[in-house]
PDB file of N, CA and C in Angstrom:
ATOM      1  N   MET A   1      84.624   9.881 157.779  1.00  0.00           N
ATOM      2  CA  MET A   1      85.647   9.187 157.023  1.00  0.00           C
ATOM      3  C   MET A   1      86.920  10.018 157.084  1.00  0.00           C
ATOM      4  N   THR A   2      88.028   9.379 157.350  1.00  0.00           N
ATOM      5  CA  THR A   2      89.296  10.078 157.356  1.00  0.00           C
ATOM      6  C   THR A   2      90.007   9.905 156.016  1.00  0.00           C
ATOM      7  N   GLN A   3      90.961  10.762 155.777  1.00  0.00           N
ATOM      8  CA  GLN A   3      91.771  10.702 154.566  1.00  0.00           C
ATOM      9  C   GLN A   3      92.537   9.384 154.483  1.00  0.00           C
ATOM     10  N   ARG A   4      92.810   8.788 155.620  1.00  0.00           N
ATOM     11  CA  ARG A   4      93.575   7.526 155.648  1.00  0.00           C
ATOM     12  C   ARG A   4      92.885   6.406 154.871  1.00  0.00           C
ATOM     13  N   TYR A   5      91.568   6.358 154.924  1.00  0.00           N
ATOM     14  CA  TYR A   5      90.850   5.343 154.140  1.00  0.00           C
ATOM     15  C   TYR A   5      91.165   5.511 152.664  1.00  0.00           C
ATOM     16  N   LEU A   6      91.059   6.748 152.181  1.00  0.00           N
ATOM     17  CA  LEU A   6      91.308   6.995 150.762  1.00  0.00           C
ATOM     18  C   LEU A   6      92.770   6.737 150.399  1.00  0.00           C
ATOM     19  N   GLU A   7      93.685   7.118 151.269  1.00  0.00           N
ATOM     20  CA  GLU A   7      95.106   6.866 151.012  1.00  0.00           C
ATOM     21  C   GLU A   7      95.380   5.372 150.916  1.00  0.00           C
ATOM     22  N   ALA A   8      94.820   4.608 151.824  1.00  0.00           N
ATOM     23  CA  ALA A   8      95.043   3.163 151.823  1.00  0.00           C
ATOM     24  C   ALA A   8      94.458   2.519 150.573  1.00  0.00           C
ATOM     25  N   ILE A   9      93.241   2.879 150.244  1.00  0.00           N
ATOM     26  CA  ILE A   9      92.600   2.301 149.057  1.00  0.00           C
ATOM     27  C   ILE A   9      93.338   2.727 147.800  1.00  0.00           C
ATOM     28  N   GLY A  10      93.711   3.992 147.721  1.00  0.00           N
ATOM     29  CA  GLY A  10      94.449   4.492 146.566  1.00  0.00           C
ATOM     30  C   GLY A  10      95.805   3.823 146.405  1.00  0.00           C
ATOM     31  N   SER A  11      96.373   3.354 147.506  1.00  0.00           N
ATOM     32  CA  SER A  11      97.662   2.660 147.475  1.00  0.00           C
ATOM     33  C   SER A  11      97.515   1.168 147.194  1.00  0.00           C
ATOM     34  N   GLY A  12      96.282   0.704 147.088  1.00  0.00           N
ATOM     35  CA  GLY A  12      96.060  -0.710 146.798  1.00  0.00           C
ATOM     36  C   GLY A  12      96.088  -1.603 148.013  1.00  0.00           C
ATOM     37  N   CYS A  13      95.821  -1.038 149.172  1.00  0.00           N
ATOM     38  CA  CYS A  13      95.795  -1.835 150.403  1.00  0.00           C
ATOM     39  C   CYS A  13      94.430  -2.484 150.597  1.00  0.00           C
ATOM     40  N   LEU A  14      94.440  -3.618 151.237  1.00  0.00           N
ATOM     41  CA  LEU A  14      93.219  -4.271 151.677  1.00  0.00           C
ATOM     42  C   LEU A  14      92.958  -3.801 153.096  1.00  0.00           C
ATOM     43  N   ILE A  15      91.804  -3.217 153.342  1.00  0.00           N
ATOM     44  CA  ILE A  15      91.482  -2.707 154.666  1.00  0.00           C
ATOM     45  C   ILE A  15      90.556  -3.693 155.362  1.00  0.00           C
ATOM     46  N   VAL A  16      90.937  -4.083 156.576  1.00  0.00           N
ATOM     47  CA  VAL A  16      90.099  -4.917 157.427  1.00  0.00           C
ATOM     48  C   VAL A  16      89.731  -4.060 158.622  1.00  0.00           C
ATOM     49  N   GLY A  17      88.447  -3.891 158.867  1.00  0.00           N
ATOM     50  CA  GLY A  17      88.016  -3.045 159.970  1.00  0.00           C
ATOM     51  C   GLY A  17      86.532  -2.777 159.898  1.00  0.00           C
ATOM     52  N   GLU A  18      86.157  -1.553 160.228  1.00  0.00           N
ATOM     53  CA  GLU A  18      84.764  -1.124 160.153  1.00  0.00           C
ATOM     54  C   GLU A  18      84.688   0.120 159.285  1.00  0.00           C
ATOM     55  N   SER A  19      83.712   0.145 158.402  1.00  0.00           N
ATOM     56  CA  SER A  19      83.560   1.276 157.481  1.00  0.00           C
ATOM     57  C   SER A  19      82.697   2.369 158.065  1.00  0.00           C
ATOM     58  N   PRO A  20      83.157   3.614 157.922  1.00  0.00           N
ATOM     59  CA  PRO A  20      82.238   4.710 158.203  1.00  0.00           C
ATOM     60  C   PRO A  20      81.220   4.781 157.067  1.00  0.00           C
ATOM     61  N   GLN A  21      80.019   5.192 157.368  1.00  0.00           N
ATOM     62  CA  GLN A  21      78.963   5.248 156.358  1.00  0.00           C
ATOM     63  C   GLN A  21      79.350   6.130 155.179  1.00  0.00           C
ATOM     64  N   GLU A  22      80.143   7.174 155.439  1.00  0.00           N
ATOM     65  CA  GLU A  22      80.536   8.098 154.368  1.00  0.00           C
ATOM     66  C   GLU A  22      81.296   7.403 153.247  1.00  0.00           C
ATOM     67  N   ILE A  23      82.138   6.438 153.580  1.00  0.00           N
ATOM     68  CA  ILE A  23      82.901   5.780 152.524  1.00  0.00           C
ATOM     69  C   ILE A  23      82.018   4.819 151.732  1.00  0.00           C
ATOM     70  N   ILE A  24      81.064   4.210 152.403  1.00  0.00           N
ATOM     71  CA  ILE A  24      80.107   3.344 151.701  1.00  0.00           C
ATOM     72  C   ILE A  24      79.264   4.192 150.752  1.00  0.00           C
ATOM     73  N   ASP A  25      78.824   5.339 151.226  1.00  0.00           N
ATOM     74  CA  ASP A  25      78.041   6.246 150.372  1.00  0.00           C
ATOM     75  C   ASP A  25      78.874   6.730 149.185  1.00  0.00           C
ATOM     76  N   LEU A  26      80.120   7.093 149.428  1.00  0.00           N
ATOM     77  CA  LEU A  26      80.981   7.609 148.366  1.00  0.00           C
ATOM     78  C   LEU A  26      81.288   6.554 147.320  1.00  0.00           C
ATOM     79  N   PHE A  27      81.592   5.333 147.755  1.00  0.00           N
ATOM     80  CA  PHE A  27      81.979   4.279 146.827  1.00  0.00           C
ATOM     81  C   PHE A  27      80.777   3.559 146.220  1.00  0.00           C
ATOM     82  N   GLY A  28      79.651   3.575 146.918  1.00  0.00           N
ATOM     83  CA  GLY A  28      78.490   2.830 146.436  1.00  0.00           C
ATOM     84  C   GLY A  28      78.524   1.371 146.858  1.00  0.00           C
ATOM     85  N   PHE A  29      79.501   0.993 147.621  1.00  0.00           N
ATOM     86  CA  PHE A  29      79.641  -0.345 148.198  1.00  0.00           C
ATOM     87  C   PHE A  29      80.617  -0.224 149.366  1.00  0.00           C
ATOM     88  N   ASP A  30      80.729  -1.276 150.148  1.00  0.00           N
ATOM     89  CA  ASP A  30      81.630  -1.255 151.296  1.00  0.00           C
ATOM     90  C   ASP A  30      83.012  -1.739 150.870  1.00  0.00           C
ATOM     91  N   PRO A  31      84.004  -0.837 150.840  1.00  0.00           N
ATOM     92  CA  PRO A  31      85.339  -1.254 150.415  1.00  0.00           C
ATOM     93  C   PRO A  31      86.159  -1.923 151.517  1.00  0.00           C
ATOM     94  N   VAL A  32      85.643  -1.944 152.732  1.00  0.00           N
ATOM     95  CA  VAL A  32      86.377  -2.485 153.878  1.00  0.00           C
ATOM     96  C   VAL A  32      85.884  -3.899 154.180  1.00  0.00           C
ATOM     97  N   ILE A  33      86.829  -4.797 154.409  1.00  0.00           N
ATOM     98  CA  ILE A  33      86.485  -6.161 154.827  1.00  0.00           C
ATOM     99  C   ILE A  33      86.090  -6.076 156.308  1.00  0.00           C
ATOM    100  N   PRO A  34      84.859  -6.470 156.653  1.00  0.00           N
ATOM    101  CA  PRO A  34      84.430  -6.372 158.055  1.00  0.00           C
ATOM    102  C   PRO A  34      85.287  -7.245 158.971  1.00  0.00           C
ATOM    103  N   VAL A  35      85.735  -6.660 160.070  1.00  0.00           N
ATOM    104  CA  VAL A  35      86.567  -7.392 161.013  1.00  0.00           C
ATOM    105  C   VAL A  35      85.708  -8.364 161.832  1.00  0.00           C
ATOM    106  N   ASP A  36      86.269  -9.509 162.104  1.00  0.00           N
ATOM    107  CA  ASP A  36      85.618 -10.494 162.973  1.00  0.00           C
ATOM    108  C   ASP A  36      86.118 -10.233 164.385  1.00  0.00           C
ATOM    109  N   TRP A  37      85.345  -9.482 165.153  1.00  0.00           N
ATOM    110  CA  TRP A  37      85.781  -9.095 166.497  1.00  0.00           C
ATOM    111  C   TRP A  37      85.869 -10.271 167.458  1.00  0.00           C
ATOM    112  N   LYS A  38      85.235 -11.404 167.097  1.00  0.00           N
ATOM    113  CA  LYS A  38      85.334 -12.583 167.963  1.00  0.00           C
ATOM    114  C   LYS A  38      86.700 -13.248 167.842  1.00  0.00           C
ATOM    115  N   ASN A  39      87.314 -13.129 166.665  1.00  0.00           N
ATOM    116  CA  ASN A  39      88.629 -13.739 166.476  1.00  0.00           C
ATOM    117  C   ASN A  39      89.387 -13.011 165.356  1.00  0.00           C
ATOM    118  N   PRO A  40      89.800 -11.769 165.600  1.00  0.00           N
ATOM    119  CA  PRO A  40      90.468 -11.003 164.555  1.00  0.00           C
ATOM    120  C   PRO A  40      91.830 -11.568 164.150  1.00  0.00           C
ATOM    121  N   VAL A  41      92.542 -12.176 165.074  1.00  0.00           N
ATOM    122  CA  VAL A  41      93.853 -12.737 164.743  1.00  0.00           C
ATOM    123  C   VAL A  41      93.694 -13.885 163.750  1.00  0.00           C
ATOM    124  N   LYS A  42      92.766 -14.779 164.023  1.00  0.00           N
ATOM    125  CA  LYS A  42      92.512 -15.892 163.102  1.00  0.00           C
ATOM    126  C   LYS A  42      92.072 -15.362 161.744  1.00  0.00           C
ATOM    127  N   GLN A  43      91.207 -14.339 161.757  1.00  0.00           N
ATOM    128  CA  GLN A  43      90.738 -13.761 160.500  1.00  0.00           C
ATOM    129  C   GLN A  43      91.918 -13.226 159.683  1.00  0.00           C
ATOM    130  N   LEU A  44      92.810 -12.488 160.322  1.00  0.00           N
ATOM    131  CA  LEU A  44      93.948 -11.922 159.595  1.00  0.00           C
ATOM    132  C   LEU A  44      94.878 -13.008 159.071  1.00  0.00           C
ATOM    133  N   PHE A  45      95.090 -14.057 159.840  1.00  0.00           N
ATOM    134  CA  PHE A  45      95.896 -15.178 159.341  1.00  0.00           C
ATOM    135  C   PHE A  45      95.236 -15.810 158.122  1.00  0.00           C
ATOM    136  N   ASN A  46      93.915 -15.966 158.165  1.00  0.00           N
ATOM    137  CA  ASN A  46      93.196 -16.529 157.022  1.00  0.00           C
ATOM    138  C   ASN A  46      93.279 -15.617 155.800  1.00  0.00           C
ATOM    139  N   VAL A  47      93.191 -14.314 156.028  1.00  0.00           N
ATOM    140  CA  VAL A  47      93.340 -13.362 154.922  1.00  0.00           C
ATOM    141  C   VAL A  47      94.730 -13.526 154.308  1.00  0.00           C
ATOM    142  N   LEU A  48      95.748 -13.580 155.133  1.00  0.00           N
ATOM    143  CA  LEU A  48      97.119 -13.697 154.619  1.00  0.00           C
ATOM    144  C   LEU A  48      97.350 -15.013 153.881  1.00  0.00           C
ATOM    145  N   LYS A  49      96.692 -16.077 154.339  1.00  0.00           N
ATOM    146  CA  LYS A  49      96.841 -17.379 153.675  1.00  0.00           C
ATOM    147  C   LYS A  49      96.224 -17.375 152.278  1.00  0.00           C
ATOM    148  N   SER A  50      95.207 -16.545 152.087  1.00  0.00           N
ATOM    149  CA  SER A  50      94.524 -16.520 150.783  1.00  0.00           C
ATOM    150  C   SER A  50      94.460 -15.097 150.226  1.00  0.00           C
ATOM    151  N   ILE A  51      95.548 -14.365 150.395  1.00  0.00           N
ATOM    152  CA  ILE A  51      95.552 -12.952 150.018  1.00  0.00           C
ATOM    153  C   ILE A  51      95.209 -12.746 148.542  1.00  0.00           C
ATOM    154  N   GLU A  52      95.606 -13.684 147.688  1.00  0.00           N
ATOM    155  CA  GLU A  52      95.322 -13.534 146.256  1.00  0.00           C
ATOM    156  C   GLU A  52      93.813 -13.524 145.969  1.00  0.00           C
ATOM    157  N   SER A  53      93.028 -14.121 146.827  1.00  0.00           N
ATOM    158  CA  SER A  53      91.577 -14.142 146.600  1.00  0.00           C
ATOM    159  C   SER A  53      90.946 -12.763 146.831  1.00  0.00           C
ATOM    160  N   TYR A  54      91.695 -11.845 147.417  1.00  0.00           N
ATOM    161  CA  TYR A  54      91.192 -10.495 147.663  1.00  0.00           C
ATOM    162  C   TYR A  54      91.614  -9.503 146.583  1.00  0.00           C
ATOM    163  N   GLN A  55      92.418  -9.938 145.627  1.00  0.00           N
ATOM    164  CA  GLN A  55      92.940  -9.013 144.620  1.00  0.00           C
ATOM    165  C   GLN A  55      91.842  -8.359 143.799  1.00  0.00           C
ATOM    166  N   GLU A  56      90.819  -9.109 143.422  1.00  0.00           N
ATOM    167  CA  GLU A  56      89.715  -8.535 142.648  1.00  0.00           C
ATOM    168  C   GLU A  56      89.029  -7.414 143.436  1.00  0.00           C
ATOM    169  N   HIS A  57      88.841  -7.627 144.733  1.00  0.00           N
ATOM    170  CA  HIS A  57      88.231  -6.608 145.592  1.00  0.00           C
ATOM    171  C   HIS A  57      89.124  -5.372 145.667  1.00  0.00           C
ATOM    172  N   VAL A  58      90.417  -5.576 145.856  1.00  0.00           N
ATOM    173  CA  VAL A  58      91.365  -4.460 145.924  1.00  0.00           C
ATOM    174  C   VAL A  58      91.340  -3.675 144.615  1.00  0.00           C
ATOM    175  N   ASP A  59      91.348  -4.382 143.491  1.00  0.00           N
ATOM    176  CA  ASP A  59      91.316  -3.716 142.181  1.00  0.00           C
ATOM    177  C   ASP A  59      90.027  -2.920 141.988  1.00  0.00           C
ATOM    178  N   ARG A  60      88.898  -3.500 142.387  1.00  0.00           N
ATOM    179  CA  ARG A  60      87.606  -2.800 142.273  1.00  0.00           C
ATOM    180  C   ARG A  60      87.617  -1.526 143.116  1.00  0.00           C
ATOM    181  N   CYS A  61      88.134  -1.626 144.338  1.00  0.00           N
ATOM    182  CA  CYS A  61      88.195  -0.464 145.227  1.00  0.00           C
ATOM    183  C   CYS A  61      89.096   0.612 144.647  1.00  0.00           C
ATOM    184  N   ARG A  62      90.243   0.216 144.117  1.00  0.00           N
ATOM    185  CA  ARG A  62      91.182   1.199 143.564  1.00  0.00           C
ATOM    186  C   ARG A  62      90.594   1.900 142.358  1.00  0.00           C
ATOM    187  N   LEU A  63      89.920   1.167 141.484  1.00  0.00           N
ATOM    188  CA  LEU A  63      89.276   1.792 140.326  1.00  0.00           C
ATOM    189  C   LEU A  63      88.194   2.771 140.760  1.00  0.00           C
ATOM    190  N   ARG A  64      87.412   2.387 141.746  1.00  0.00           N
ATOM    191  CA  ARG A  64      86.367   3.288 142.246  1.00  0.00           C
ATOM    192  C   ARG A  64      86.981   4.516 142.905  1.00  0.00           C
ATOM    193  N   PHE A  65      88.092   4.307 143.621  1.00  0.00           N
ATOM    194  CA  PHE A  65      88.813   5.432 144.217  1.00  0.00           C
ATOM    195  C   PHE A  65      89.212   6.440 143.143  1.00  0.00           C
ATOM    196  N   LEU A  66      89.718   5.963 142.025  1.00  0.00           N
ATOM    197  CA  LEU A  66      90.134   6.862 140.949  1.00  0.00           C
ATOM    198  C   LEU A  66      88.958   7.651 140.396  1.00  0.00           C
ATOM    199  N   GLU A  67      87.766   7.078 140.479  1.00  0.00           N
ATOM    200  CA  GLU A  67      86.562   7.774 140.002  1.00  0.00           C
ATOM    201  C   GLU A  67      86.038   8.799 141.001  1.00  0.00           C
ATOM    202  N   VAL A  68      86.097   8.477 142.288  1.00  0.00           N
ATOM    203  CA  VAL A  68      85.417   9.325 143.280  1.00  0.00           C
ATOM    204  C   VAL A  68      86.286   9.800 144.437  1.00  0.00           C
ATOM    205  N   GLY A  69      87.499   9.304 144.584  1.00  0.00           N
ATOM    206  CA  GLY A  69      88.264   9.581 145.789  1.00  0.00           C
ATOM    207  C   GLY A  69      89.481  10.466 145.637  1.00  0.00           C
ATOM    208  N   THR A  70      89.852  10.807 144.400  1.00  0.00           N
ATOM    209  CA  THR A  70      91.020  11.673 144.222  1.00  0.00           C
ATOM    210  C   THR A  70      90.645  13.112 144.542  1.00  0.00           C
ATOM    211  N   PHE A  71      91.646  13.930 144.795  1.00  0.00           N
ATOM    212  CA  PHE A  71      91.363  15.340 145.062  1.00  0.00           C
ATOM    213  C   PHE A  71      90.659  15.983 143.878  1.00  0.00           C
ATOM    214  N   SER A  72      91.077  15.633 142.663  1.00  0.00           N
ATOM    215  CA  SER A  72      90.445  16.210 141.467  1.00  0.00           C
ATOM    216  C   SER A  72      88.969  15.869 141.397  1.00  0.00           C
ATOM    217  N   SER A  73      88.641  14.609 141.619  1.00  0.00           N
ATOM    218  CA  SER A  73      87.235  14.216 141.536  1.00  0.00           C
ATOM    219  C   SER A  73      86.428  14.805 142.690  1.00  0.00           C
ATOM    220  N   ARG A  74      87.028  14.921 143.857  1.00  0.00           N
ATOM    221  CA  ARG A  74      86.311  15.475 145.017  1.00  0.00           C
ATOM    222  C   ARG A  74      86.056  16.971 144.833  1.00  0.00           C
ATOM    223  N   VAL A  75      87.051  17.696 144.307  1.00  0.00           N
ATOM    224  CA  VAL A  75      86.875  19.129 144.068  1.00  0.00           C
ATOM    225  C   VAL A  75      85.795  19.352 143.015  1.00  0.00           C
ATOM    226  N   GLU A  76      85.799  18.518 141.989  1.00  0.00           N
ATOM    227  CA  GLU A  76      84.774  18.622 140.948  1.00  0.00           C
ATOM    228  C   GLU A  76      83.376  18.430 141.543  1.00  0.00           C
ATOM    229  N   LYS A  77      83.223  17.440 142.417  1.00  0.00           N
ATOM    230  CA  LYS A  77      81.931  17.181 143.064  1.00  0.00           C
ATOM    231  C   LYS A  77      81.520  18.350 143.958  1.00  0.00           C
ATOM    232  N   ILE A  78      82.464  18.898 144.710  1.00  0.00           N
ATOM    233  CA  ILE A  78      82.157  20.053 145.561  1.00  0.00           C
ATOM    234  C   ILE A  78      81.721  21.229 144.698  1.00  0.00           C
ATOM    235  N   HIS A  79      82.417  21.442 143.587  1.00  0.00           N
ATOM    236  CA  HIS A  79      82.047  22.534 142.684  1.00  0.00           C
ATOM    237  C   HIS A  79      80.632  22.346 142.142  1.00  0.00           C
ATOM    238  N   GLU A  80      80.294  21.138 141.745  1.00  0.00           N
ATOM    239  CA  GLU A  80      78.937  20.842 141.266  1.00  0.00           C
ATOM    240  C   GLU A  80      77.896  21.156 142.331  1.00  0.00           C
ATOM    241  N   GLU A  81      78.192  20.767 143.559  1.00  0.00           N
ATOM    242  CA  GLU A  81      77.248  21.029 144.661  1.00  0.00           C
ATOM    243  C   GLU A  81      77.090  22.523 144.915  1.00  0.00           C
ATOM    244  N   LEU A  82      78.176  23.274 144.830  1.00  0.00           N
ATOM    245  CA  LEU A  82      78.096  24.732 145.002  1.00  0.00           C
ATOM    246  C   LEU A  82      77.252  25.369 143.903  1.00  0.00           C
ATOM    247  N   ILE A  83      77.373  24.859 142.691  1.00  0.00           N
ATOM    248  CA  ILE A  83      76.526  25.348 141.597  1.00  0.00           C
ATOM    249  C   ILE A  83      75.076  25.013 141.866  1.00  0.00           C
ATOM    250  N   ASN A  84      74.812  23.790 142.345  1.00  0.00           N
ATOM    251  CA  ASN A  84      73.443  23.357 142.628  1.00  0.00           C
ATOM    252  C   ASN A  84      72.759  24.221 143.677  1.00  0.00           C
ATOM    253  N   ILE A  85      73.521  24.669 144.647  1.00  0.00           N
ATOM    254  CA  ILE A  85      72.909  25.522 145.690  1.00  0.00           C
ATOM    255  C   ILE A  85      73.133  27.010 145.391  1.00  0.00           C
ATOM    256  N   GLN A  86      73.576  27.281 144.171  1.00  0.00           N
ATOM    257  CA  GLN A  86      73.710  28.633 143.621  1.00  0.00           C
ATOM    258  C   GLN A  86      74.677  29.510 144.419  1.00  0.00           C
ATOM    259  N   LEU A  87      75.775  28.929 144.862  1.00  0.00           N
ATOM    260  CA  LEU A  87      76.823  29.713 145.501  1.00  0.00           C
ATOM    261  C   LEU A  87      77.944  30.065 144.533  1.00  0.00           C
ATOM    262  N   VAL A  88      77.904  29.480 143.341  1.00  0.00           N
ATOM    263  CA  VAL A  88      78.896  29.780 142.311  1.00  0.00           C
ATOM    264  C   VAL A  88      78.169  30.157 141.047  1.00  0.00           C
TER     265      VAL A  88
END
């Protein structure tokens, strides 16, 4: 997973593409709308025609990002893991 996924979600963007497993594991669900590789242009036009129907998904992703995707929450999780393996 790249930082770009978290930046986009944190900014309230709707991501259409393919999710790396790491982001699904981190969020507990797939925050990315799967791309239709057979007709991606038509899919994007359809998304734009009904963009308001994706707002609930965007809001859910952003709230989850605030719980698990910020630097503060990530550092806290890393610290917990270091304690668990007795490095701190």
